[in-house]
Amino acid sequence: MPGGIFLPILALGALSGMVFGLGMVELHLMPRHFLPLFVILGMAGYFGAVSKAPLTSMILLTEMVGDLRQLMALGTVTLVAYLVMDLLKGEPIYEAMLERMAPKHDTSVVEPTLIELTVSEKVAGKRVKDLELPKNVLITTQLHTGEAEVVSGDTVLQAVDTIFLGVNEPEIGVFRAYFMS
């Protein structure tokens, strides 16, 4: 979205700081005029924990407020929030988002390799569609008397001709054994 996640992070931090501050006021542990400070501390703590960048959080909130008087309180809250997030094994929000956005690579998929084999007597004279081929093979081309032809299911394989197969690299031995023996 155009606003990104920056504004929601600060809004949630401000709300949590206000709720905490109101709880302190209701319990008569602090006067009401400290509520704006708790809003600022909530933003700093939440941003520092979620982004795992406490110094950035301190500088950002100090710049937003335009006052250095709360810098020690910002530093304390941000450090505690960072340590709690670290103890809970939380990861930075931007890294987590990047990981989700990155394409997942299927480790079971292997890059295909093109191999060249000579047609043996075992498969000579047969149509490609009649062969009981192992899974994951594609016969692409046959060189017959020096002429290249695209292979289809109706192509008859000729003895001593050369064929080109697309196979997964770990299975090359299986296909060599099938076509050569």
N, C-alpha and C. Protein backbone atom coordinates (compact mmCIF):
# COMPACT_ATOMS: atom_id res chain seq x y z
N MET A 1 0.84 -1.18 0.00
CA MET A 1 0.00 0.00 0.00
C MET A 1 0.89 1.24 0.00
N PRO A 2 0.36 2.36 -0.45
CA PRO A 2 1.18 3.56 -0.53
C PRO A 2 1.79 4.00 0.81
N GLY A 3 1.06 3.81 1.92
CA GLY A 3 1.56 4.26 3.22
C GLY A 3 2.58 3.32 3.81
N GLY A 4 2.67 2.13 3.29
CA GLY A 4 3.63 1.15 3.80
C GLY A 4 3.25 0.68 5.19
N ILE A 5 4.24 0.20 5.93
CA ILE A 5 3.98 -0.30 7.28
C ILE A 5 4.48 0.66 8.34
N PHE A 6 5.13 1.73 7.91
CA PHE A 6 5.71 2.68 8.86
C PHE A 6 4.63 3.34 9.72
N LEU A 7 3.60 3.87 9.09
CA LEU A 7 2.53 4.55 9.82
C LEU A 7 1.78 3.60 10.75
N PRO A 8 1.39 2.39 10.31
CA PRO A 8 0.72 1.49 11.25
C PRO A 8 1.58 1.10 12.45
N ILE A 9 2.87 0.96 12.24
CA ILE A 9 3.75 0.63 13.37
C ILE A 9 3.74 1.76 14.39
N LEU A 10 3.87 2.98 13.92
CA LEU A 10 3.86 4.12 14.85
C LEU A 10 2.49 4.30 15.50
N ALA A 11 1.42 4.05 14.75
CA ALA A 11 0.07 4.17 15.32
C ALA A 11 -0.16 3.13 16.41
N LEU A 12 0.25 1.88 16.16
CA LEU A 12 0.10 0.84 17.19
C LEU A 12 0.96 1.15 18.42
N GLY A 13 2.16 1.67 18.19
CA GLY A 13 3.01 2.05 19.31
C GLY A 13 2.40 3.18 20.12
N ALA A 14 1.82 4.17 19.44
CA ALA A 14 1.18 5.30 20.13
C ALA A 14 -0.01 4.81 20.94
N LEU A 15 -0.81 3.92 20.35
CA LEU A 15 -1.97 3.39 21.08
C LEU A 15 -1.56 2.58 22.30
N SER A 16 -0.54 1.75 22.15
CA SER A 16 -0.10 0.95 23.29
C SER A 16 0.49 1.83 24.39
N GLY A 17 1.21 2.87 24.00
CA GLY A 17 1.74 3.81 24.99
C GLY A 17 0.63 4.55 25.71
N MET A 18 -0.40 4.96 24.96
CA MET A 18 -1.54 5.66 25.57
C MET A 18 -2.30 4.75 26.52
N VAL A 19 -2.53 3.49 26.12
CA VAL A 19 -3.24 2.55 26.99
C VAL A 19 -2.45 2.32 28.28
N PHE A 20 -1.14 2.14 28.15
CA PHE A 20 -0.30 1.94 29.33
C PHE A 20 -0.35 3.18 30.22
N GLY A 21 -0.22 4.36 29.60
CA GLY A 21 -0.27 5.61 30.36
C GLY A 21 -1.60 5.81 31.06
N LEU A 22 -2.71 5.51 30.38
CA LEU A 22 -4.03 5.64 31.00
C LEU A 22 -4.18 4.66 32.17
N GLY A 23 -3.62 3.47 32.02
CA GLY A 23 -3.64 2.52 33.12
C GLY A 23 -2.88 3.06 34.33
N MET A 24 -1.75 3.69 34.09
CA MET A 24 -0.96 4.28 35.18
C MET A 24 -1.72 5.43 35.84
N VAL A 25 -2.41 6.24 35.04
CA VAL A 25 -3.19 7.36 35.59
C VAL A 25 -4.36 6.82 36.42
N GLU A 26 -5.06 5.80 35.90
CA GLU A 26 -6.20 5.23 36.62
C GLU A 26 -5.78 4.59 37.94
N LEU A 27 -4.58 4.06 37.98
CA LEU A 27 -4.07 3.46 39.22
C LEU A 27 -3.45 4.51 40.14
N HIS A 28 -3.51 5.77 39.73
CA HIS A 28 -2.98 6.91 40.50
C HIS A 28 -1.48 6.77 40.75
N LEU A 29 -0.77 6.22 39.74
CA LEU A 29 0.69 6.08 39.85
C LEU A 29 1.43 7.23 39.17
N MET A 30 0.72 8.05 38.38
CA MET A 30 1.33 9.21 37.74
C MET A 30 0.25 10.21 37.35
N PRO A 31 0.65 11.47 37.20
CA PRO A 31 -0.35 12.48 36.82
C PRO A 31 -0.68 12.41 35.32
N ARG A 32 -1.83 12.96 34.96
CA ARG A 32 -2.35 12.91 33.60
C ARG A 32 -1.45 13.65 32.60
N HIS A 33 -0.72 14.65 33.00
CA HIS A 33 0.07 15.44 32.05
C HIS A 33 1.27 14.66 31.46
N PHE A 34 1.53 13.44 31.94
CA PHE A 34 2.59 12.61 31.37
C PHE A 34 2.09 11.73 30.22
N LEU A 35 0.80 11.76 29.91
CA LEU A 35 0.25 10.91 28.85
C LEU A 35 0.94 11.13 27.50
N PRO A 36 1.20 12.38 27.05
CA PRO A 36 1.89 12.53 25.76
C PRO A 36 3.27 11.87 25.74
N LEU A 37 3.96 11.88 26.88
CA LEU A 37 5.26 11.22 26.95
C LEU A 37 5.12 9.71 26.72
N PHE A 38 4.06 9.11 27.29
CA PHE A 38 3.86 7.68 27.10
C PHE A 38 3.48 7.33 25.66
N VAL A 39 2.81 8.24 24.98
CA VAL A 39 2.52 8.04 23.56
C VAL A 39 3.84 7.97 22.78
N ILE A 40 4.74 8.89 23.05
CA ILE A 40 6.04 8.93 22.37
C ILE A 40 6.87 7.69 22.73
N LEU A 41 6.87 7.32 24.00
CA LEU A 41 7.63 6.15 24.43
C LEU A 41 7.05 4.87 23.82
N GLY A 42 5.75 4.81 23.69
CA GLY A 42 5.11 3.64 23.07
C GLY A 42 5.52 3.51 21.61
N MET A 43 5.54 4.64 20.88
CA MET A 43 5.97 4.61 19.48
C MET A 43 7.42 4.16 19.37
N ALA A 44 8.28 4.72 20.21
CA ALA A 44 9.70 4.38 20.15
C ALA A 44 9.94 2.91 20.50
N GLY A 45 9.28 2.44 21.55
CA GLY A 45 9.46 1.05 21.96
C GLY A 45 8.95 0.07 20.93
N TYR A 46 7.77 0.34 20.39
CA TYR A 46 7.19 -0.57 19.41
C TYR A 46 8.01 -0.59 18.12
N PHE A 47 8.40 0.60 17.65
CA PHE A 47 9.20 0.66 16.43
C PHE A 47 10.57 0.02 16.65
N GLY A 48 11.18 0.28 17.81
CA GLY A 48 12.49 -0.30 18.11
C GLY A 48 12.45 -1.81 18.18
N ALA A 49 11.36 -2.36 18.72
CA ALA A 49 11.23 -3.81 18.83
C ALA A 49 10.93 -4.44 17.47
N VAL A 50 9.97 -3.89 16.76
CA VAL A 50 9.55 -4.47 15.50
C VAL A 50 10.63 -4.38 14.43
N SER A 51 11.34 -3.24 14.39
CA SER A 51 12.37 -3.07 13.37
C SER A 51 13.73 -3.59 13.84
N LYS A 52 13.85 -3.84 15.13
CA LYS A 52 15.13 -4.23 15.75
C LYS A 52 16.23 -3.24 15.37
N ALA A 53 15.86 -1.96 15.40
CA ALA A 53 16.80 -0.87 15.14
C ALA A 53 16.57 0.20 16.21
N PRO A 54 17.11 -0.03 17.43
CA PRO A 54 16.82 0.89 18.53
C PRO A 54 17.35 2.31 18.31
N LEU A 55 18.52 2.44 17.74
CA LEU A 55 19.08 3.77 17.52
C LEU A 55 18.25 4.55 16.51
N THR A 56 17.84 3.88 15.46
CA THR A 56 16.98 4.51 14.46
C THR A 56 15.68 4.96 15.09
N SER A 57 15.12 4.12 15.95
CA SER A 57 13.88 4.47 16.64
C SER A 57 14.06 5.71 17.51
N MET A 58 15.14 5.77 18.25
CA MET A 58 15.39 6.92 19.12
C MET A 58 15.54 8.20 18.30
N ILE A 59 16.32 8.15 17.24
CA ILE A 59 16.55 9.34 16.41
C ILE A 59 15.26 9.77 15.73
N LEU A 60 14.50 8.82 15.22
CA LEU A 60 13.25 9.13 14.53
C LEU A 60 12.26 9.82 15.47
N LEU A 61 12.06 9.26 16.64
CA LEU A 61 11.10 9.86 17.56
C LEU A 61 11.57 11.18 18.12
N THR A 62 12.86 11.33 18.35
CA THR A 62 13.39 12.61 18.80
C THR A 62 13.16 13.67 17.72
N GLU A 63 13.37 13.29 16.47
CA GLU A 63 13.14 14.22 15.37
C GLU A 63 11.66 14.56 15.24
N MET A 64 10.78 13.57 15.42
CA MET A 64 9.34 13.81 15.32
C MET A 64 8.86 14.75 16.41
N VAL A 65 9.38 14.58 17.62
CA VAL A 65 8.95 15.39 18.75
C VAL A 65 9.63 16.74 18.75
N GLY A 66 10.88 16.79 18.31
CA GLY A 66 11.62 18.05 18.27
C GLY A 66 12.12 18.50 19.63
N ASP A 67 12.32 17.56 20.53
CA ASP A 67 12.75 17.91 21.89
C ASP A 67 13.69 16.82 22.39
N LEU A 68 14.79 17.23 22.99
CA LEU A 68 15.78 16.26 23.47
C LEU A 68 15.58 15.86 24.92
N ARG A 69 14.61 16.46 25.60
CA ARG A 69 14.44 16.19 27.04
C ARG A 69 14.05 14.74 27.33
N GLN A 70 13.37 14.09 26.46
CA GLN A 70 12.93 12.72 26.70
C GLN A 70 13.91 11.69 26.13
N LEU A 71 15.11 12.12 25.69
CA LEU A 71 16.05 11.22 25.03
C LEU A 71 16.47 10.04 25.92
N MET A 72 16.70 10.26 27.20
CA MET A 72 17.10 9.17 28.10
C MET A 72 15.96 8.16 28.26
N ALA A 73 14.74 8.66 28.41
CA ALA A 73 13.60 7.76 28.53
C ALA A 73 13.40 6.98 27.23
N LEU A 74 13.57 7.64 26.08
CA LEU A 74 13.46 6.95 24.78
C LEU A 74 14.50 5.85 24.67
N GLY A 75 15.72 6.16 25.07
CA GLY A 75 16.79 5.16 25.00
C GLY A 75 16.51 3.95 25.87
N THR A 76 16.01 4.20 27.08
CA THR A 76 15.72 3.10 28.00
C THR A 76 14.60 2.21 27.47
N VAL A 77 13.51 2.83 27.06
CA VAL A 77 12.36 2.07 26.55
C VAL A 77 12.75 1.30 25.29
N THR A 78 13.47 1.93 24.39
CA THR A 78 13.85 1.28 23.14
C THR A 78 14.78 0.10 23.40
N LEU A 79 15.73 0.27 24.31
CA LEU A 79 16.65 -0.81 24.64
C LEU A 79 15.91 -2.00 25.27
N VAL A 80 15.01 -1.72 26.19
CA VAL A 80 14.25 -2.80 26.82
C VAL A 80 13.37 -3.51 25.79
N ALA A 81 12.73 -2.75 24.92
CA ALA A 81 11.88 -3.36 23.87
C ALA A 81 12.72 -4.23 22.93
N TYR A 82 13.89 -3.74 22.58
CA TYR A 82 14.79 -4.50 21.71
C TYR A 82 15.22 -5.81 22.38
N LEU A 83 15.59 -5.74 23.65
CA LEU A 83 16.04 -6.93 24.37
C LEU A 83 14.91 -7.95 24.52
N VAL A 84 13.71 -7.48 24.80
CA VAL A 84 12.58 -8.40 24.92
C VAL A 84 12.32 -9.09 23.58
N MET A 85 12.35 -8.32 22.50
CA MET A 85 12.14 -8.91 21.18
C MET A 85 13.24 -9.92 20.85
N ASP A 86 14.46 -9.60 21.25
CA ASP A 86 15.58 -10.51 21.02
C ASP A 86 15.43 -11.80 21.84
N LEU A 87 15.00 -11.67 23.08
CA LEU A 87 14.79 -12.86 23.92
C LEU A 87 13.67 -13.74 23.39
N LEU A 88 12.68 -13.12 22.76
CA LEU A 88 11.57 -13.88 22.19
C LEU A 88 11.88 -14.41 20.79
N LYS A 89 13.12 -14.20 20.36
CA LYS A 89 13.60 -14.67 19.05
C LYS A 89 12.80 -14.07 17.88
N GLY A 90 12.37 -12.83 18.06
CA GLY A 90 11.66 -12.14 16.98
C GLY A 90 12.65 -11.67 15.93
N GLU A 91 12.18 -11.61 14.69
CA GLU A 91 13.05 -11.12 13.62
C GLU A 91 12.55 -9.76 13.16
N PRO A 92 13.44 -8.95 12.61
CA PRO A 92 13.04 -7.62 12.15
C PRO A 92 11.93 -7.71 11.09
N ILE A 93 10.99 -6.80 11.16
CA ILE A 93 9.83 -6.82 10.27
C ILE A 93 10.23 -6.72 8.80
N TYR A 94 11.21 -5.89 8.50
CA TYR A 94 11.58 -5.71 7.10
C TYR A 94 12.25 -6.96 6.54
N GLU A 95 13.04 -7.65 7.33
CA GLU A 95 13.65 -8.90 6.88
C GLU A 95 12.59 -9.99 6.72
N ALA A 96 11.62 -10.02 7.64
CA ALA A 96 10.55 -11.02 7.54
C ALA A 96 9.71 -10.78 6.29
N MET A 97 9.44 -9.53 5.98
CA MET A 97 8.67 -9.21 4.77
C MET A 97 9.45 -9.58 3.52
N LEU A 98 10.75 -9.30 3.52
CA LEU A 98 11.59 -9.64 2.38
C LEU A 98 11.61 -11.15 2.16
N GLU A 99 11.68 -11.90 3.23
CA GLU A 99 11.69 -13.36 3.14
C GLU A 99 10.38 -13.88 2.57
N ARG A 100 9.27 -13.26 2.95
CA ARG A 100 7.97 -13.68 2.42
C ARG A 100 7.82 -13.34 0.96
N MET A 101 8.41 -12.23 0.53
CA MET A 101 8.28 -11.78 -0.84
C MET A 101 9.21 -12.53 -1.78
N ALA A 102 10.28 -13.07 -1.26
CA ALA A 102 11.24 -13.79 -2.10
C ALA A 102 10.59 -15.05 -2.65
N PRO A 103 10.85 -15.35 -3.91
CA PRO A 103 10.25 -16.57 -4.48
C PRO A 103 10.83 -17.81 -3.80
N LYS A 104 9.96 -18.74 -3.55
CA LYS A 104 10.38 -20.00 -2.94
C LYS A 104 10.92 -20.92 -4.03
N HIS A 105 12.07 -21.49 -3.77
CA HIS A 105 12.68 -22.41 -4.74
C HIS A 105 12.42 -23.82 -4.27
N ASP A 106 11.83 -24.61 -5.14
CA ASP A 106 11.57 -26.00 -4.84
C ASP A 106 12.88 -26.76 -4.98
N THR A 107 13.32 -27.33 -3.87
CA THR A 107 14.61 -28.03 -3.89
C THR A 107 14.54 -29.37 -4.60
N SER A 108 13.32 -29.88 -4.85
CA SER A 108 13.20 -31.16 -5.52
C SER A 108 13.32 -31.01 -7.05
N VAL A 109 13.19 -29.77 -7.55
CA VAL A 109 13.29 -29.55 -8.99
C VAL A 109 14.77 -29.43 -9.36
N VAL A 110 15.17 -30.19 -10.33
CA VAL A 110 16.56 -30.19 -10.78
C VAL A 110 16.59 -29.62 -12.19
N GLU A 111 17.63 -28.90 -12.50
CA GLU A 111 17.76 -28.32 -13.83
C GLU A 111 17.91 -29.42 -14.87
N PRO A 112 17.15 -29.33 -15.96
CA PRO A 112 17.28 -30.35 -17.01
C PRO A 112 18.60 -30.20 -17.77
N THR A 113 19.09 -31.32 -18.25
CA THR A 113 20.33 -31.36 -19.01
C THR A 113 20.05 -32.05 -20.34
N LEU A 114 20.67 -31.56 -21.39
CA LEU A 114 20.51 -32.19 -22.72
C LEU A 114 21.67 -33.16 -22.92
N ILE A 115 21.33 -34.43 -23.17
CA ILE A 115 22.38 -35.42 -23.42
C ILE A 115 22.19 -36.02 -24.81
N GLU A 116 23.28 -36.57 -25.33
CA GLU A 116 23.30 -37.15 -26.67
C GLU A 116 23.60 -38.64 -26.53
N LEU A 117 22.73 -39.47 -27.11
CA LEU A 117 22.92 -40.92 -27.04
C LEU A 117 22.76 -41.54 -28.43
N THR A 118 23.39 -42.68 -28.61
CA THR A 118 23.23 -43.45 -29.84
C THR A 118 22.12 -44.47 -29.61
N VAL A 119 21.24 -44.61 -30.60
CA VAL A 119 20.12 -45.57 -30.49
C VAL A 119 20.69 -46.98 -30.56
N SER A 120 20.36 -47.79 -29.56
CA SER A 120 20.84 -49.17 -29.53
C SER A 120 19.82 -50.09 -30.18
N GLU A 121 20.24 -51.35 -30.36
CA GLU A 121 19.36 -52.36 -30.96
C GLU A 121 18.11 -52.58 -30.09
N LYS A 122 18.24 -52.31 -28.78
CA LYS A 122 17.14 -52.54 -27.85
C LYS A 122 15.91 -51.70 -28.21
N VAL A 123 16.11 -50.46 -28.64
CA VAL A 123 14.97 -49.58 -28.94
C VAL A 123 14.84 -49.28 -30.43
N ALA A 124 15.77 -49.75 -31.25
CA ALA A 124 15.73 -49.47 -32.70
C ALA A 124 14.48 -50.08 -33.31
N GLY A 125 13.87 -49.35 -34.24
CA GLY A 125 12.68 -49.81 -34.94
C GLY A 125 11.39 -49.55 -34.19
N LYS A 126 11.46 -49.02 -32.98
CA LYS A 126 10.26 -48.74 -32.20
C LYS A 126 9.86 -47.27 -32.35
N ARG A 127 8.58 -47.05 -32.23
CA ARG A 127 8.10 -45.67 -32.19
C ARG A 127 8.30 -45.12 -30.79
N VAL A 128 8.50 -43.82 -30.70
CA VAL A 128 8.75 -43.19 -29.41
C VAL A 128 7.57 -43.42 -28.47
N LYS A 129 6.35 -43.35 -28.97
CA LYS A 129 5.17 -43.53 -28.11
C LYS A 129 5.04 -44.96 -27.59
N ASP A 130 5.70 -45.92 -28.24
CA ASP A 130 5.63 -47.30 -27.81
C ASP A 130 6.71 -47.66 -26.78
N LEU A 131 7.66 -46.77 -26.59
CA LEU A 131 8.73 -47.02 -25.62
C LEU A 131 8.18 -46.89 -24.21
N GLU A 132 8.67 -47.72 -23.34
CA GLU A 132 8.31 -47.60 -21.92
C GLU A 132 9.42 -46.79 -21.26
N LEU A 133 9.37 -45.48 -21.49
CA LEU A 133 10.42 -44.59 -21.00
C LEU A 133 10.29 -44.33 -19.50
N PRO A 134 11.42 -44.22 -18.84
CA PRO A 134 11.35 -43.79 -17.44
C PRO A 134 10.75 -42.38 -17.37
N LYS A 135 10.27 -42.02 -16.21
CA LYS A 135 9.66 -40.71 -16.01
C LYS A 135 10.70 -39.60 -16.18
N ASN A 136 10.26 -38.42 -16.54
CA ASN A 136 11.08 -37.20 -16.64
C ASN A 136 12.10 -37.25 -17.78
N VAL A 137 11.69 -37.64 -18.97
CA VAL A 137 12.58 -37.61 -20.12
C VAL A 137 11.83 -37.01 -21.30
N LEU A 138 12.55 -36.29 -22.13
CA LEU A 138 11.98 -35.72 -23.35
C LEU A 138 12.98 -35.94 -24.47
N ILE A 139 12.58 -36.72 -25.48
CA ILE A 139 13.43 -36.93 -26.65
C ILE A 139 13.11 -35.80 -27.61
N THR A 140 14.10 -34.99 -27.92
CA THR A 140 13.84 -33.79 -28.72
C THR A 140 14.18 -33.94 -30.19
N THR A 141 15.34 -34.52 -30.49
CA THR A 141 15.84 -34.54 -31.87
C THR A 141 16.47 -35.89 -32.17
N GLN A 142 16.36 -36.30 -33.44
CA GLN A 142 17.05 -37.50 -33.91
C GLN A 142 17.87 -37.12 -35.14
N LEU A 143 19.13 -37.52 -35.13
CA LEU A 143 19.98 -37.31 -36.31
C LEU A 143 19.97 -38.61 -37.10
N HIS A 144 19.35 -38.56 -38.28
CA HIS A 144 19.21 -39.74 -39.12
C HIS A 144 19.90 -39.44 -40.45
N THR A 145 20.93 -40.19 -40.75
CA THR A 145 21.74 -40.01 -41.97
C THR A 145 22.15 -38.55 -42.15
N GLY A 146 22.60 -37.95 -41.07
CA GLY A 146 23.10 -36.57 -41.13
C GLY A 146 22.03 -35.50 -41.11
N GLU A 147 20.76 -35.89 -41.15
CA GLU A 147 19.65 -34.94 -41.15
C GLU A 147 19.02 -34.92 -39.76
N ALA A 148 18.75 -33.72 -39.27
CA ALA A 148 18.11 -33.59 -37.96
C ALA A 148 16.60 -33.53 -38.14
N GLU A 149 15.88 -34.26 -37.29
CA GLU A 149 14.43 -34.20 -37.33
C GLU A 149 13.90 -34.10 -35.90
N VAL A 150 12.84 -33.32 -35.74
CA VAL A 150 12.20 -33.20 -34.45
C VAL A 150 11.44 -34.49 -34.17
N VAL A 151 11.58 -34.97 -32.96
CA VAL A 151 10.97 -36.25 -32.59
C VAL A 151 9.56 -36.02 -32.08
N SER A 152 8.63 -36.86 -32.56
CA SER A 152 7.26 -36.86 -32.04
C SER A 152 6.96 -38.28 -31.58
N GLY A 153 5.76 -38.52 -31.13
CA GLY A 153 5.38 -39.86 -30.70
C GLY A 153 5.41 -40.88 -31.81
N ASP A 154 5.21 -40.44 -33.06
CA ASP A 154 5.20 -41.36 -34.20
C ASP A 154 6.57 -41.58 -34.82
N THR A 155 7.58 -40.90 -34.34
CA THR A 155 8.93 -41.06 -34.89
C THR A 155 9.46 -42.46 -34.58
N VAL A 156 9.98 -43.12 -35.61
CA VAL A 156 10.58 -44.45 -35.44
C VAL A 156 12.08 -44.24 -35.24
N LEU A 157 12.60 -44.77 -34.13
CA LEU A 157 14.02 -44.64 -33.84
C LEU A 157 14.80 -45.64 -34.68
N GLN A 158 15.85 -45.16 -35.31
CA GLN A 158 16.68 -45.99 -36.19
C GLN A 158 17.98 -46.35 -35.48
N ALA A 159 18.43 -47.58 -35.67
CA ALA A 159 19.67 -48.05 -35.06
C ALA A 159 20.84 -47.18 -35.49
N VAL A 160 21.72 -46.91 -34.57
CA VAL A 160 22.96 -46.16 -34.75
C VAL A 160 22.70 -44.66 -35.00
N ASP A 161 21.44 -44.23 -35.02
CA ASP A 161 21.16 -42.80 -35.10
C ASP A 161 21.46 -42.16 -33.75
N THR A 162 21.59 -40.86 -33.77
CA THR A 162 21.84 -40.12 -32.53
C THR A 162 20.56 -39.42 -32.11
N ILE A 163 20.24 -39.54 -30.82
CA ILE A 163 19.07 -38.82 -30.29
C ILE A 163 19.53 -37.89 -29.17
N PHE A 164 18.79 -36.83 -28.99
CA PHE A 164 19.06 -35.87 -27.93
C PHE A 164 17.92 -35.93 -26.93
N LEU A 165 18.26 -36.09 -25.66
CA LEU A 165 17.26 -36.22 -24.60
C LEU A 165 17.43 -35.10 -23.57
N GLY A 166 16.31 -34.57 -23.13
CA GLY A 166 16.30 -33.63 -22.00
C GLY A 166 15.95 -34.43 -20.76
N VAL A 167 16.88 -34.48 -19.79
CA VAL A 167 16.67 -35.25 -18.56
C VAL A 167 17.16 -34.45 -17.36
N ASN A 168 16.70 -34.85 -16.19
CA ASN A 168 17.25 -34.26 -14.96
C ASN A 168 18.63 -34.85 -14.73
N GLU A 169 19.57 -34.01 -14.37
CA GLU A 169 20.97 -34.41 -14.28
C GLU A 169 21.22 -35.64 -13.41
N PRO A 170 20.59 -35.76 -12.24
CA PRO A 170 20.86 -36.96 -11.43
C PRO A 170 20.39 -38.26 -12.08
N GLU A 171 19.52 -38.18 -13.09
CA GLU A 171 18.96 -39.38 -13.70
C GLU A 171 19.65 -39.76 -15.02
N ILE A 172 20.75 -39.12 -15.36
CA ILE A 172 21.43 -39.39 -16.62
C ILE A 172 21.83 -40.86 -16.73
N GLY A 173 22.34 -41.42 -15.66
CA GLY A 173 22.77 -42.83 -15.67
C GLY A 173 21.63 -43.78 -15.98
N VAL A 174 20.44 -43.48 -15.45
CA VAL A 174 19.26 -44.33 -15.69
C VAL A 174 18.93 -44.35 -17.17
N PHE A 175 18.97 -43.19 -17.81
CA PHE A 175 18.61 -43.11 -19.22
C PHE A 175 19.68 -43.71 -20.12
N ARG A 176 20.94 -43.53 -19.76
CA ARG A 176 22.01 -44.16 -20.53
C ARG A 176 21.84 -45.70 -20.50
N ALA A 177 21.56 -46.22 -19.32
CA ALA A 177 21.37 -47.66 -19.16
C ALA A 177 20.16 -48.13 -19.97
N TYR A 178 19.09 -47.36 -19.98
CA TYR A 178 17.87 -47.76 -20.68
C TYR A 178 18.09 -47.80 -22.18
N PHE A 179 18.73 -46.78 -22.73
CA PHE A 179 18.91 -46.70 -24.18
C PHE A 179 20.11 -47.47 -24.69
N MET A 180 21.11 -47.74 -23.88
CA MET A 180 22.33 -48.37 -24.37
C MET A 180 22.36 -49.88 -24.18
N SER A 181 21.65 -50.42 -23.18
CA SER A 181 21.75 -51.85 -22.94
C SER A 181 20.78 -52.63 -23.79
